[in-house]
PDB file of all heavy atoms in Angstrom:
ATOM      1  N   THR A   1      -4.057  66.567 -46.530  1.00  0.00           N
ATOM      2  CA  THR A   1      -2.898  65.960 -47.283  1.00  0.00           C
ATOM      3  C   THR A   1      -3.446  65.135 -48.428  1.00  0.00           C
ATOM      4  O   THR A   1      -4.656  64.823 -48.501  1.00  0.00           O
ATOM      5  CB  THR A   1      -2.067  64.990 -46.355  1.00  0.00           C
ATOM      6  OG1 THR A   1      -2.872  63.885 -45.999  1.00  0.00           O
ATOM      7  CG2 THR A   1      -1.657  65.753 -45.082  1.00  0.00           C
ATOM      8  N   GLY A   2      -2.591  64.692 -49.271  1.00  0.00           N
ATOM      9  CA  GLY A   2      -3.020  63.934 -50.486  1.00  0.00           C
ATOM     10  C   GLY A   2      -3.200  62.453 -50.174  1.00  0.00           C
ATOM     11  O   GLY A   2      -3.677  61.758 -51.065  1.00  0.00           O
ATOM     12  N   SER A   3      -2.812  61.983 -48.996  1.00  0.00           N
ATOM     13  CA  SER A   3      -2.922  60.590 -48.665  1.00  0.00           C
ATOM     14  C   SER A   3      -3.264  60.473 -47.208  1.00  0.00           C
ATOM     15  O   SER A   3      -2.656  61.105 -46.346  1.00  0.00           O
ATOM     16  CB  SER A   3      -1.557  59.925 -48.924  1.00  0.00           C
ATOM     17  OG  SER A   3      -1.566  58.527 -48.431  1.00  0.00           O
ATOM     18  N   PRO A   4      -4.181  59.515 -46.881  1.00  0.00           N
ATOM     19  CA  PRO A   4      -4.493  59.307 -45.486  1.00  0.00           C
ATOM     20  C   PRO A   4      -3.521  58.392 -44.728  1.00  0.00           C
ATOM     21  O   PRO A   4      -3.671  58.153 -43.538  1.00  0.00           O
ATOM     22  CB  PRO A   4      -5.912  58.613 -45.549  1.00  0.00           C
ATOM     23  CG  PRO A   4      -5.843  57.897 -46.843  1.00  0.00           C
ATOM     24  CD  PRO A   4      -5.003  58.754 -47.764  1.00  0.00           C
ATOM     25  N   LEU A   5      -2.441  57.964 -45.460  1.00  0.00           N
ATOM     26  CA  LEU A   5      -1.476  57.100 -44.833  1.00  0.00           C
ATOM     27  C   LEU A   5      -0.600  57.932 -43.877  1.00  0.00           C
ATOM     28  O   LEU A   5      -0.109  58.984 -44.304  1.00  0.00           O
ATOM     29  CB  LEU A   5      -0.654  56.385 -45.810  1.00  0.00           C
ATOM     30  CG  LEU A   5      -1.312  55.415 -46.810  1.00  0.00           C
ATOM     31  CD1 LEU A   5      -0.387  54.877 -47.802  1.00  0.00           C
ATOM     32  CD2 LEU A   5      -1.938  54.242 -46.039  1.00  0.00           C
ATOM     33  N   CYS A   6      -0.356  57.453 -42.611  1.00  0.00           N
ATOM     34  CA  CYS A   6       0.385  58.204 -41.718  1.00  0.00           C
ATOM     35  C   CYS A   6       0.941  57.310 -40.669  1.00  0.00           C
ATOM     36  O   CYS A   6       0.642  56.112 -40.570  1.00  0.00           O
ATOM     37  CB  CYS A   6      -0.379  59.429 -41.076  1.00  0.00           C
ATOM     38  SG  CYS A   6      -1.816  58.909 -40.121  1.00  0.00           S
ATOM     39  N   THR A   7       1.807  57.847 -39.789  1.00  0.00           N
ATOM     40  CA  THR A   7       2.355  57.087 -38.608  1.00  0.00           C
ATOM     41  C   THR A   7       2.158  57.988 -37.421  1.00  0.00           C
ATOM     42  O   THR A   7       2.460  59.186 -37.498  1.00  0.00           O
ATOM     43  CB  THR A   7       3.829  56.830 -38.896  1.00  0.00           C
ATOM     44  OG1 THR A   7       3.961  56.046 -40.055  1.00  0.00           O
ATOM     45  CG2 THR A   7       4.401  56.034 -37.707  1.00  0.00           C
ATOM     46  N   ILE A   8       1.689  57.393 -36.342  1.00  0.00           N
ATOM     47  CA  ILE A   8       1.624  58.111 -35.144  1.00  0.00           C
ATOM     48  C   ILE A   8       2.727  57.508 -34.157  1.00  0.00           C
ATOM     49  O   ILE A   8       2.937  56.309 -34.105  1.00  0.00           O
ATOM     50  CB  ILE A   8       0.256  58.043 -34.415  1.00  0.00           C
ATOM     51  CG1 ILE A   8       0.237  58.841 -33.160  1.00  0.00           C
ATOM     52  CG2 ILE A   8      -0.120  56.566 -34.151  1.00  0.00           C
ATOM     53  CD1 ILE A   8      -1.191  59.027 -32.536  1.00  0.00           C
ATOM     54  N   THR A   9       3.406  58.373 -33.453  1.00  0.00           N
ATOM     55  CA  THR A   9       4.388  57.998 -32.468  1.00  0.00           C
ATOM     56  C   THR A   9       4.068  58.684 -31.175  1.00  0.00           C
ATOM     57  O   THR A   9       3.844  59.919 -31.094  1.00  0.00           O
ATOM     58  CB  THR A   9       5.811  58.341 -32.918  1.00  0.00           C
ATOM     59  OG1 THR A   9       6.049  57.763 -34.222  1.00  0.00           O
ATOM     60  CG2 THR A   9       6.869  57.858 -31.902  1.00  0.00           C
ATOM     61  N   LEU A  10       4.022  57.910 -30.052  1.00  0.00           N
ATOM     62  CA  LEU A  10       3.910  58.438 -28.715  1.00  0.00           C
ATOM     63  C   LEU A  10       5.276  58.191 -28.034  1.00  0.00           C
ATOM     64  O   LEU A  10       5.780  57.016 -27.945  1.00  0.00           O
ATOM     65  CB  LEU A  10       2.825  57.732 -27.945  1.00  0.00           C
ATOM     66  CG  LEU A  10       1.446  57.747 -28.518  1.00  0.00           C
ATOM     67  CD1 LEU A  10       0.499  56.967 -27.600  1.00  0.00           C
ATOM     68  CD2 LEU A  10       0.967  59.176 -28.635  1.00  0.00           C
ATOM     69  N   ARG A  11       5.878  59.267 -27.547  1.00  0.00           N
ATOM     70  CA  ARG A  11       7.134  59.147 -26.929  1.00  0.00           C
ATOM     71  C   ARG A  11       7.049  59.627 -25.512  1.00  0.00           C
ATOM     72  O   ARG A  11       6.724  60.854 -25.279  1.00  0.00           O
ATOM     73  CB  ARG A  11       8.244  59.904 -27.680  1.00  0.00           C
ATOM     74  CG  ARG A  11       9.601  59.862 -27.005  1.00  0.00           C
ATOM     75  CD  ARG A  11      10.696  60.242 -27.950  1.00  0.00           C
ATOM     76  NE  ARG A  11      10.806  59.062 -28.903  1.00  0.00           N
ATOM     77  CZ  ARG A  11      11.028  59.207 -30.177  1.00  0.00           C
ATOM     78  NH1 ARG A  11      11.147  60.344 -30.728  1.00  0.00           N
ATOM     79  NH2 ARG A  11      11.190  58.136 -30.976  1.00  0.00           N
ATOM     80  N   ARG A  12       7.311  58.798 -24.518  1.00  0.00           N
ATOM     81  CA  ARG A  12       7.237  59.232 -23.149  1.00  0.00           C
ATOM     82  C   ARG A  12       8.506  60.105 -22.851  1.00  0.00           C
ATOM     83  O   ARG A  12       9.577  59.769 -23.314  1.00  0.00           O
ATOM     84  CB  ARG A  12       7.248  58.006 -22.205  1.00  0.00           C
ATOM     85  CG  ARG A  12       7.086  58.461 -20.784  1.00  0.00           C
ATOM     86  CD  ARG A  12       7.023  57.278 -19.826  1.00  0.00           C
ATOM     87  NE  ARG A  12       6.774  57.780 -18.499  1.00  0.00           N
ATOM     88  CZ  ARG A  12       6.849  57.050 -17.456  1.00  0.00           C
ATOM     89  NH1 ARG A  12       7.108  55.773 -17.530  1.00  0.00           N
ATOM     90  NH2 ARG A  12       6.644  57.563 -16.249  1.00  0.00           N
ATOM     91  N   ARG A  13       8.238  61.120 -22.114  1.00  0.00           N
ATOM     92  CA  ARG A  13       9.287  62.061 -21.712  1.00  0.00           C
ATOM     93  C   ARG A  13       9.267  62.225 -20.223  1.00  0.00           C
ATOM     94  O   ARG A  13       8.271  61.896 -19.599  1.00  0.00           O
ATOM     95  CB  ARG A  13       9.129  63.393 -22.374  1.00  0.00           C
ATOM     96  CG  ARG A  13       9.162  63.231 -23.867  1.00  0.00           C
ATOM     97  CD  ARG A  13       9.326  64.531 -24.577  1.00  0.00           C
ATOM     98  NE  ARG A  13       9.795  64.290 -25.898  1.00  0.00           N
ATOM     99  CZ  ARG A  13      10.656  65.013 -26.507  1.00  0.00           C
ATOM    100  NH1 ARG A  13      11.091  66.132 -25.943  1.00  0.00           N
ATOM    101  NH2 ARG A  13      11.130  64.759 -27.724  1.00  0.00           N
ATOM    102  N   PRO A  14      10.354  62.676 -19.601  1.00  0.00           N
ATOM    103  CA  PRO A  14      10.339  62.845 -18.173  1.00  0.00           C
ATOM    104  C   PRO A  14       9.263  63.760 -17.652  1.00  0.00           C
ATOM    105  O   PRO A  14       8.738  63.513 -16.530  1.00  0.00           O
ATOM    106  CB  PRO A  14      11.708  63.440 -17.834  1.00  0.00           C
ATOM    107  CG  PRO A  14      12.578  63.060 -18.970  1.00  0.00           C
ATOM    108  CD  PRO A  14      11.661  63.014 -20.184  1.00  0.00           C
ATOM    109  N   ASP A  15       8.783  64.689 -18.469  1.00  0.00           N
ATOM    110  CA  ASP A  15       7.722  65.644 -17.985  1.00  0.00           C
ATOM    111  C   ASP A  15       6.489  65.507 -18.788  1.00  0.00           C
ATOM    112  O   ASP A  15       5.621  66.406 -18.779  1.00  0.00           O
ATOM    113  CB  ASP A  15       8.301  67.044 -18.088  1.00  0.00           C
ATOM    114  CG  ASP A  15       8.718  67.438 -19.476  1.00  0.00           C
ATOM    115  OD1 ASP A  15       8.792  66.557 -20.369  1.00  0.00           O
ATOM    116  OD2 ASP A  15       8.937  68.621 -19.747  1.00  0.00           O
ATOM    117  N   GLY A  16       6.298  64.368 -19.528  1.00  0.00           N
ATOM    118  CA  GLY A  16       5.020  64.257 -20.295  1.00  0.00           C
ATOM    119  C   GLY A  16       5.144  63.315 -21.448  1.00  0.00           C
ATOM    120  O   GLY A  16       5.860  62.265 -21.359  1.00  0.00           O
ATOM    121  N   VAL A  17       4.559  63.658 -22.537  1.00  0.00           N
ATOM    122  CA  VAL A  17       4.539  62.840 -23.669  1.00  0.00           C
ATOM    123  C   VAL A  17       4.594  63.742 -24.958  1.00  0.00           C
ATOM    124  O   VAL A  17       4.076  64.844 -24.928  1.00  0.00           O
ATOM    125  CB  VAL A  17       3.248  61.937 -23.774  1.00  0.00           C
ATOM    126  CG1 VAL A  17       1.956  62.761 -23.886  1.00  0.00           C
ATOM    127  CG2 VAL A  17       3.278  60.855 -24.850  1.00  0.00           C
ATOM    128  N   ARG A  18       5.281  63.153 -25.995  1.00  0.00           N
ATOM    129  CA  ARG A  18       5.229  63.852 -27.274  1.00  0.00           C
ATOM    130  C   ARG A  18       4.411  63.002 -28.245  1.00  0.00           C
ATOM    131  O   ARG A  18       4.648  61.814 -28.359  1.00  0.00           O
ATOM    132  CB  ARG A  18       6.603  64.063 -27.854  1.00  0.00           C
ATOM    133  CG  ARG A  18       6.626  64.613 -29.287  1.00  0.00           C
ATOM    134  CD  ARG A  18       7.930  64.975 -29.797  1.00  0.00           C
ATOM    135  NE  ARG A  18       8.264  66.243 -29.254  1.00  0.00           N
ATOM    136  CZ  ARG A  18       9.357  66.966 -29.671  1.00  0.00           C
ATOM    137  NH1 ARG A  18      10.102  66.548 -30.616  1.00  0.00           N
ATOM    138  NH2 ARG A  18       9.632  68.149 -29.082  1.00  0.00           N
ATOM    139  N   VAL A  19       3.445  63.598 -28.859  1.00  0.00           N
ATOM    140  CA  VAL A  19       2.587  63.009 -29.859  1.00  0.00           C
ATOM    141  C   VAL A  19       3.072  63.545 -31.251  1.00  0.00           C
ATOM    142  O   VAL A  19       3.129  64.712 -31.409  1.00  0.00           O
ATOM    143  CB  VAL A  19       1.072  63.342 -29.706  1.00  0.00           C
ATOM    144  CG1 VAL A  19       0.272  62.702 -30.788  1.00  0.00           C
ATOM    145  CG2 VAL A  19       0.627  62.913 -28.301  1.00  0.00           C
ATOM    146  N   THR A  20       3.462  62.610 -32.115  1.00  0.00           N
ATOM    147  CA  THR A  20       3.948  62.994 -33.445  1.00  0.00           C
ATOM    148  C   THR A  20       3.127  62.238 -34.492  1.00  0.00           C
ATOM    149  O   THR A  20       2.924  61.006 -34.359  1.00  0.00           O
ATOM    150  CB  THR A  20       5.425  62.677 -33.663  1.00  0.00           C
ATOM    151  OG1 THR A  20       6.175  63.301 -32.608  1.00  0.00           O
ATOM    152  CG2 THR A  20       5.890  63.120 -35.010  1.00  0.00           C
ATOM    153  N   VAL A  21       2.688  62.926 -35.490  1.00  0.00           N
ATOM    154  CA  VAL A  21       1.977  62.329 -36.586  1.00  0.00           C
ATOM    155  C   VAL A  21       2.816  62.675 -37.831  1.00  0.00           C
ATOM    156  O   VAL A  21       3.045  63.868 -38.120  1.00  0.00           O
ATOM    157  CB  VAL A  21       0.527  62.769 -36.768  1.00  0.00           C
ATOM    158  CG1 VAL A  21      -0.075  62.254 -38.066  1.00  0.00           C
ATOM    159  CG2 VAL A  21      -0.313  62.320 -35.597  1.00  0.00           C
ATOM    160  N   SER A  22       3.239  61.627 -38.593  1.00  0.00           N
ATOM    161  CA  SER A  22       4.016  61.769 -39.757  1.00  0.00           C
ATOM    162  C   SER A  22       3.236  61.447 -40.964  1.00  0.00           C
ATOM    163  O   SER A  22       2.451  60.450 -40.972  1.00  0.00           O
ATOM    164  CB  SER A  22       5.251  60.847 -39.688  1.00  0.00           C
ATOM    165  OG  SER A  22       6.013  61.079 -38.521  1.00  0.00           O
ATOM    166  N   ASP A  23       3.336  62.219 -42.010  1.00  0.00           N
ATOM    167  CA  ASP A  23       2.577  61.963 -43.256  1.00  0.00           C
ATOM    168  C   ASP A  23       3.473  62.286 -44.414  1.00  0.00           C
ATOM    169  O   ASP A  23       4.598  62.685 -44.290  1.00  0.00           O
ATOM    170  CB  ASP A  23       1.236  62.751 -43.257  1.00  0.00           C
ATOM    171  CG  ASP A  23       1.440  64.240 -43.293  1.00  0.00           C
ATOM    172  OD1 ASP A  23       2.144  64.751 -44.197  1.00  0.00           O
ATOM    173  OD2 ASP A  23       0.852  64.996 -42.437  1.00  0.00           O
ATOM    174  N   SER A  24       2.966  62.080 -45.659  1.00  0.00           N
ATOM    175  CA  SER A  24       3.751  62.215 -46.873  1.00  0.00           C
ATOM    176  C   SER A  24       3.638  63.508 -47.555  1.00  0.00           C
ATOM    177  O   SER A  24       4.140  63.725 -48.609  1.00  0.00           O
ATOM    178  CB  SER A  24       3.360  61.048 -47.833  1.00  0.00           C
ATOM    179  OG  SER A  24       2.024  61.165 -48.157  1.00  0.00           O
ATOM    180  N   ASP A  25       2.928  64.464 -46.953  1.00  0.00           N
ATOM    181  CA  ASP A  25       2.755  65.805 -47.515  1.00  0.00           C
ATOM    182  C   ASP A  25       3.820  66.753 -46.915  1.00  0.00           C
ATOM    183  O   ASP A  25       3.948  66.777 -45.687  1.00  0.00           O
ATOM    184  CB  ASP A  25       1.352  66.311 -47.206  1.00  0.00           C
ATOM    185  CG  ASP A  25       0.975  67.547 -47.948  1.00  0.00           C
ATOM    186  OD1 ASP A  25       1.890  68.292 -48.562  1.00  0.00           O
ATOM    187  OD2 ASP A  25      -0.201  67.919 -47.871  1.00  0.00           O
ATOM    188  N   THR A  26       4.506  67.511 -47.723  1.00  0.00           N
ATOM    189  CA  THR A  26       5.538  68.357 -47.197  1.00  0.00           C
ATOM    190  C   THR A  26       5.011  69.748 -46.759  1.00  0.00           C
ATOM    191  O   THR A  26       5.718  70.500 -46.111  1.00  0.00           O
ATOM    192  CB  THR A  26       6.699  68.615 -48.203  1.00  0.00           C
ATOM    193  OG1 THR A  26       6.078  69.134 -49.397  1.00  0.00           O
ATOM    194  CG2 THR A  26       7.419  67.297 -48.474  1.00  0.00           C
ATOM    195  N   ALA A  27       3.764  70.117 -47.051  1.00  0.00           N
ATOM    196  CA  ALA A  27       3.162  71.379 -46.673  1.00  0.00           C
ATOM    197  C   ALA A  27       2.898  71.356 -45.165  1.00  0.00           C
ATOM    198  O   ALA A  27       2.239  70.486 -44.681  1.00  0.00           O
ATOM    199  CB  ALA A  27       1.890  71.644 -47.469  1.00  0.00           C
ATOM    200  N   PRO A  28       3.372  72.419 -44.516  1.00  0.00           N
ATOM    201  CA  PRO A  28       3.154  72.523 -43.029  1.00  0.00           C
ATOM    202  C   PRO A  28       1.689  72.805 -42.762  1.00  0.00           C
ATOM    203  O   PRO A  28       0.993  73.379 -43.642  1.00  0.00           O
ATOM    204  CB  PRO A  28       4.083  73.629 -42.552  1.00  0.00           C
ATOM    205  CG  PRO A  28       4.232  74.462 -43.823  1.00  0.00           C
ATOM    206  CD  PRO A  28       4.163  73.542 -44.959  1.00  0.00           C
ATOM    207  N   PRO A  29       1.225  72.488 -41.562  1.00  0.00           N
ATOM    208  CA  PRO A  29      -0.133  72.818 -41.195  1.00  0.00           C
ATOM    209  C   PRO A  29      -0.257  74.382 -41.202  1.00  0.00           C
ATOM    210  O   PRO A  29       0.621  75.044 -40.923  1.00  0.00           O
ATOM    211  CB  PRO A  29      -0.300  72.314 -39.781  1.00  0.00           C
ATOM    212  CG  PRO A  29       0.796  71.482 -39.505  1.00  0.00           C
ATOM    213  CD  PRO A  29       1.899  71.802 -40.529  1.00  0.00           C
ATOM    214  N   GLU A  30      -1.442  74.881 -41.668  1.00  0.00           N
ATOM    215  CA  GLU A  30      -1.655  76.304 -41.704  1.00  0.00           C
ATOM    216  C   GLU A  30      -2.230  76.796 -40.482  1.00  0.00           C
ATOM    217  O   GLU A  30      -3.265  76.325 -39.990  1.00  0.00           O
ATOM    218  CB  GLU A  30      -2.532  76.616 -42.927  1.00  0.00           C
ATOM    219  CG  GLU A  30      -1.906  76.390 -44.235  1.00  0.00           C
ATOM    220  CD  GLU A  30      -2.832  76.855 -45.417  1.00  0.00           C
ATOM    221  OE1 GLU A  30      -3.644  77.782 -45.168  1.00  0.00           O
ATOM    222  OE2 GLU A  30      -2.666  76.252 -46.504  1.00  0.00           O
ATOM    223  N   ARG A  31      -1.597  77.830 -39.876  1.00  0.00           N
ATOM    224  CA  ARG A  31      -2.228  78.540 -38.768  1.00  0.00           C
ATOM    225  C   ARG A  31      -2.982  79.702 -39.280  1.00  0.00           C
ATOM    226  O   ARG A  31      -2.604  80.298 -40.321  1.00  0.00           O
ATOM    227  CB  ARG A  31      -1.086  79.108 -37.888  1.00  0.00           C
ATOM    228  CG  ARG A  31      -0.395  77.997 -37.035  1.00  0.00           C
ATOM    229  CD  ARG A  31       0.536  78.655 -36.098  1.00  0.00           C
ATOM    230  NE  ARG A  31       1.061  77.590 -35.245  1.00  0.00           N
ATOM    231  CZ  ARG A  31       1.209  77.694 -33.966  1.00  0.00           C
ATOM    232  NH1 ARG A  31       0.999  78.901 -33.405  1.00  0.00           N
ATOM    233  NH2 ARG A  31       1.631  76.735 -33.263  1.00  0.00           N
ATOM    234  N   ARG A  32      -3.986  80.025 -38.617  1.00  0.00           N
ATOM    235  CA  ARG A  32      -4.789  81.198 -39.075  1.00  0.00           C
ATOM    236  C   ARG A  32      -3.916  82.456 -38.852  1.00  0.00           C
ATOM    237  O   ARG A  32      -3.197  82.561 -37.856  1.00  0.00           O
ATOM    238  CB  ARG A  32      -5.988  81.351 -38.173  1.00  0.00           C
ATOM    239  CG  ARG A  32      -7.138  80.577 -38.809  1.00  0.00           C
ATOM    240  CD  ARG A  32      -8.397  81.212 -38.273  1.00  0.00           C
ATOM    241  NE  ARG A  32      -9.469  80.357 -38.777  1.00  0.00           N
ATOM    242  CZ  ARG A  32     -10.187  80.624 -39.861  1.00  0.00           C
ATOM    243  NH1 ARG A  32     -10.012  81.748 -40.465  1.00  0.00           N
ATOM    244  NH2 ARG A  32     -11.069  79.822 -40.273  1.00  0.00           N
ATOM    245  N   ASP A  33      -4.016  83.357 -39.752  1.00  0.00           N
ATOM    246  CA  ASP A  33      -3.356  84.632 -39.607  1.00  0.00           C
ATOM    247  C   ASP A  33      -3.885  85.367 -38.423  1.00  0.00           C
ATOM    248  O   ASP A  33      -5.098  85.508 -38.284  1.00  0.00           O
ATOM    249  CB  ASP A  33      -3.644  85.407 -40.888  1.00  0.00           C
ATOM    250  CG  ASP A  33      -2.907  86.803 -40.934  1.00  0.00           C
ATOM    251  OD1 ASP A  33      -2.346  87.171 -39.872  1.00  0.00           O
ATOM    252  OD2 ASP A  33      -2.907  87.401 -42.003  1.00  0.00           O
TER     253      ASP A  33
END
């Protein structure tokens, strides 16, 4: 991304946890073909 600024959120769920990292770049992560 163009900036190292981000936010991490951990959200407890009944069956586990959701880890979310938010950043200012709109390009999605690239998966290998």
